[in-house]
């Protein structure tokens, strides 16, 4: 049986926690920050957990967890 390929695009963006959940950074926090509210800018700095709906899709892209 051949080895499964890791989707490198997903591997660069997602981290796996010790409990097996996926953590990632939201989009939109790189530039044009002056036009965004301070509350929104603060929330964009944080990493968030992926929803249960996305869990199966991310799991498929990372067959061996994050390398």
N, C-alpha and C. Protein backbone atom coordinates (compact mmCIF):
# COMPACT_ATOMS: atom_id res chain seq x y z
N UNK A 1 0.85 -1.19 0.00
CA UNK A 1 0.00 0.00 0.00
C UNK A 1 0.89 1.25 0.00
N UNK A 2 0.65 2.18 -0.93
CA UNK A 2 1.50 3.37 -1.00
C UNK A 2 1.26 4.33 0.16
N UNK A 3 2.25 5.18 0.39
CA UNK A 3 2.12 6.18 1.45
C UNK A 3 1.09 7.22 1.04
N UNK A 4 0.41 7.79 2.03
CA UNK A 4 -0.56 8.85 1.76
C UNK A 4 0.16 10.19 1.74
N UNK A 5 -0.24 11.06 0.84
CA UNK A 5 0.41 12.36 0.73
C UNK A 5 -0.27 13.38 1.64
N UNK A 6 0.56 14.17 2.32
CA UNK A 6 0.08 15.26 3.17
C UNK A 6 -0.17 16.46 2.28
N UNK A 7 -1.29 17.14 2.46
CA UNK A 7 -1.57 18.36 1.73
C UNK A 7 -0.76 19.48 2.40
N UNK A 8 0.30 19.93 1.72
CA UNK A 8 1.24 20.89 2.30
C UNK A 8 0.60 22.26 2.55
N UNK A 9 -0.37 22.65 1.74
CA UNK A 9 -1.04 23.93 1.95
C UNK A 9 -1.76 23.94 3.29
N UNK A 10 -2.40 22.84 3.63
CA UNK A 10 -3.11 22.72 4.91
C UNK A 10 -2.10 22.59 6.05
N UNK A 11 -1.04 21.83 5.84
CA UNK A 11 -0.03 21.61 6.87
C UNK A 11 0.62 22.91 7.31
N UNK A 12 0.77 23.87 6.39
CA UNK A 12 1.39 25.15 6.72
C UNK A 12 0.44 26.05 7.50
N UNK A 13 -0.86 25.86 7.35
CA UNK A 13 -1.84 26.76 7.93
C UNK A 13 -2.46 26.28 9.24
N UNK A 14 -2.42 24.97 9.47
CA UNK A 14 -3.15 24.38 10.60
C UNK A 14 -2.19 23.73 11.58
N UNK A 15 -2.49 23.85 12.87
CA UNK A 15 -1.73 23.15 13.90
C UNK A 15 -2.66 22.19 14.63
N UNK A 16 -2.12 21.05 15.02
CA UNK A 16 -2.91 20.06 15.73
C UNK A 16 -2.60 20.20 17.22
N UNK A 17 -3.65 20.30 18.04
CA UNK A 17 -3.46 20.41 19.49
C UNK A 17 -3.24 19.02 20.06
N UNK A 18 -2.87 18.95 21.34
CA UNK A 18 -2.61 17.65 21.97
C UNK A 18 -3.88 16.80 22.03
N UNK A 19 -5.04 17.47 22.11
CA UNK A 19 -6.30 16.73 22.17
C UNK A 19 -6.79 16.31 20.78
N UNK A 20 -6.07 16.74 19.72
CA UNK A 20 -6.43 16.33 18.36
C UNK A 20 -7.28 17.32 17.60
N UNK A 21 -7.55 18.49 18.21
CA UNK A 21 -8.32 19.52 17.51
C UNK A 21 -7.38 20.32 16.62
N UNK A 22 -7.96 21.09 15.69
CA UNK A 22 -7.17 21.87 14.76
C UNK A 22 -7.28 23.35 15.07
N UNK A 23 -6.14 24.04 15.05
CA UNK A 23 -6.07 25.45 15.38
C UNK A 23 -5.50 26.19 14.17
N UNK A 24 -6.07 27.33 13.81
CA UNK A 24 -5.56 28.09 12.67
C UNK A 24 -5.79 29.58 12.88
N UNK A 25 -5.15 30.38 12.05
CA UNK A 25 -5.27 31.83 12.16
C UNK A 25 -6.29 32.31 11.13
N UNK A 26 -7.14 33.23 11.54
CA UNK A 26 -8.17 33.76 10.63
C UNK A 26 -7.56 34.64 9.55
N UNK A 27 -8.24 34.73 8.44
CA UNK A 27 -7.79 35.58 7.34
C UNK A 27 -8.17 37.04 7.60
N UNK A 28 -7.42 37.94 6.98
CA UNK A 28 -7.78 39.36 7.04
C UNK A 28 -7.00 40.18 8.03
N UNK A 29 -5.95 39.63 8.63
CA UNK A 29 -5.21 40.37 9.64
C UNK A 29 -3.84 40.84 9.21
N UNK A 30 -3.60 40.94 7.91
CA UNK A 30 -2.28 41.31 7.41
C UNK A 30 -2.14 42.79 7.08
N UNK A 31 -3.09 43.33 6.35
CA UNK A 31 -2.96 44.73 5.94
C UNK A 31 -4.32 45.42 5.99
N UNK A 32 -4.31 46.72 5.78
CA UNK A 32 -5.50 47.58 5.89
C UNK A 32 -6.10 47.48 7.29
N UNK A 33 -5.23 47.42 8.30
CA UNK A 33 -5.70 47.27 9.67
C UNK A 33 -6.27 48.57 10.22
N UNK A 34 -5.89 49.71 9.63
CA UNK A 34 -6.38 51.01 10.11
C UNK A 34 -7.88 51.15 9.91
N UNK A 35 -8.41 50.49 8.88
CA UNK A 35 -9.83 50.61 8.59
C UNK A 35 -10.68 49.64 9.42
N UNK A 36 -10.01 48.72 10.14
CA UNK A 36 -10.73 47.75 10.97
C UNK A 36 -10.78 48.24 12.41
N UNK A 37 -11.85 47.90 13.10
CA UNK A 37 -11.98 48.34 14.49
C UNK A 37 -10.94 47.64 15.36
N UNK A 38 -10.62 48.25 16.52
CA UNK A 38 -9.63 47.69 17.43
C UNK A 38 -10.06 46.32 17.92
N UNK A 39 -11.37 46.17 18.17
CA UNK A 39 -11.91 44.89 18.64
C UNK A 39 -11.70 43.80 17.59
N UNK A 40 -11.95 44.15 16.33
CA UNK A 40 -11.79 43.19 15.23
C UNK A 40 -10.31 42.85 15.03
N UNK A 41 -9.43 43.86 15.13
CA UNK A 41 -8.00 43.65 14.97
C UNK A 41 -7.46 42.72 16.06
N UNK A 42 -7.94 42.89 17.29
CA UNK A 42 -7.51 42.03 18.40
C UNK A 42 -7.94 40.59 18.18
N UNK A 43 -9.17 40.43 17.71
CA UNK A 43 -9.69 39.07 17.49
C UNK A 43 -8.99 38.38 16.32
N UNK A 44 -8.51 39.16 15.36
CA UNK A 44 -7.79 38.59 14.21
C UNK A 44 -6.38 38.13 14.58
N UNK A 45 -5.85 38.63 15.70
CA UNK A 45 -4.52 38.21 16.15
C UNK A 45 -4.53 36.80 16.71
N UNK A 46 -5.65 36.37 17.23
CA UNK A 46 -5.74 35.08 17.92
C UNK A 46 -5.90 33.92 16.94
N UNK A 47 -5.47 32.77 17.40
CA UNK A 47 -5.74 31.54 16.65
C UNK A 47 -7.08 30.99 17.14
N UNK A 48 -7.82 30.38 16.25
CA UNK A 48 -9.13 29.82 16.60
C UNK A 48 -9.18 28.34 16.26
N UNK A 49 -10.10 27.64 16.90
CA UNK A 49 -10.27 26.21 16.64
C UNK A 49 -11.17 26.01 15.42
N UNK A 50 -10.84 25.01 14.64
CA UNK A 50 -11.66 24.67 13.48
C UNK A 50 -12.96 24.04 13.96
N UNK A 51 -14.04 24.27 13.22
CA UNK A 51 -15.33 23.72 13.59
C UNK A 51 -15.37 22.22 13.36
N UNK A 52 -16.33 21.57 13.96
CA UNK A 52 -16.49 20.12 13.79
C UNK A 52 -16.78 19.76 12.34
N UNK A 53 -17.45 20.67 11.62
CA UNK A 53 -17.77 20.43 10.22
C UNK A 53 -16.51 20.37 9.37
N UNK A 54 -15.48 21.14 9.73
CA UNK A 54 -14.23 21.16 8.97
C UNK A 54 -13.25 20.08 9.41
N UNK A 55 -13.51 19.48 10.56
CA UNK A 55 -12.58 18.52 11.15
C UNK A 55 -12.30 17.34 10.21
N UNK A 56 -13.32 16.79 9.62
CA UNK A 56 -13.18 15.63 8.74
C UNK A 56 -12.36 15.99 7.49
N UNK A 57 -12.61 17.18 6.96
CA UNK A 57 -11.90 17.63 5.75
C UNK A 57 -10.40 17.85 6.03
N UNK A 58 -10.10 18.46 7.18
CA UNK A 58 -8.71 18.71 7.55
C UNK A 58 -7.99 17.39 7.86
N UNK A 59 -8.70 16.50 8.52
CA UNK A 59 -8.16 15.17 8.86
C UNK A 59 -7.72 14.42 7.60
N UNK A 60 -8.50 14.55 6.54
CA UNK A 60 -8.20 13.89 5.27
C UNK A 60 -6.92 14.47 4.66
N UNK A 61 -6.71 15.78 4.81
CA UNK A 61 -5.54 16.45 4.23
C UNK A 61 -4.27 16.17 5.02
N UNK A 62 -4.41 15.82 6.31
CA UNK A 62 -3.26 15.54 7.16
C UNK A 62 -3.33 14.10 7.68
N UNK A 63 -3.01 13.12 6.83
CA UNK A 63 -3.18 11.73 7.24
C UNK A 63 -2.28 11.30 8.40
N UNK A 64 -1.15 11.97 8.60
CA UNK A 64 -0.23 11.61 9.69
C UNK A 64 -0.15 12.71 10.75
N UNK A 65 -1.15 13.56 10.82
CA UNK A 65 -1.07 14.72 11.69
C UNK A 65 -0.19 15.75 11.04
N UNK A 66 0.14 16.81 11.73
CA UNK A 66 0.99 17.86 11.14
C UNK A 66 2.44 17.41 11.20
N UNK A 67 3.18 17.45 10.05
CA UNK A 67 4.58 17.02 10.05
C UNK A 67 5.48 17.99 10.81
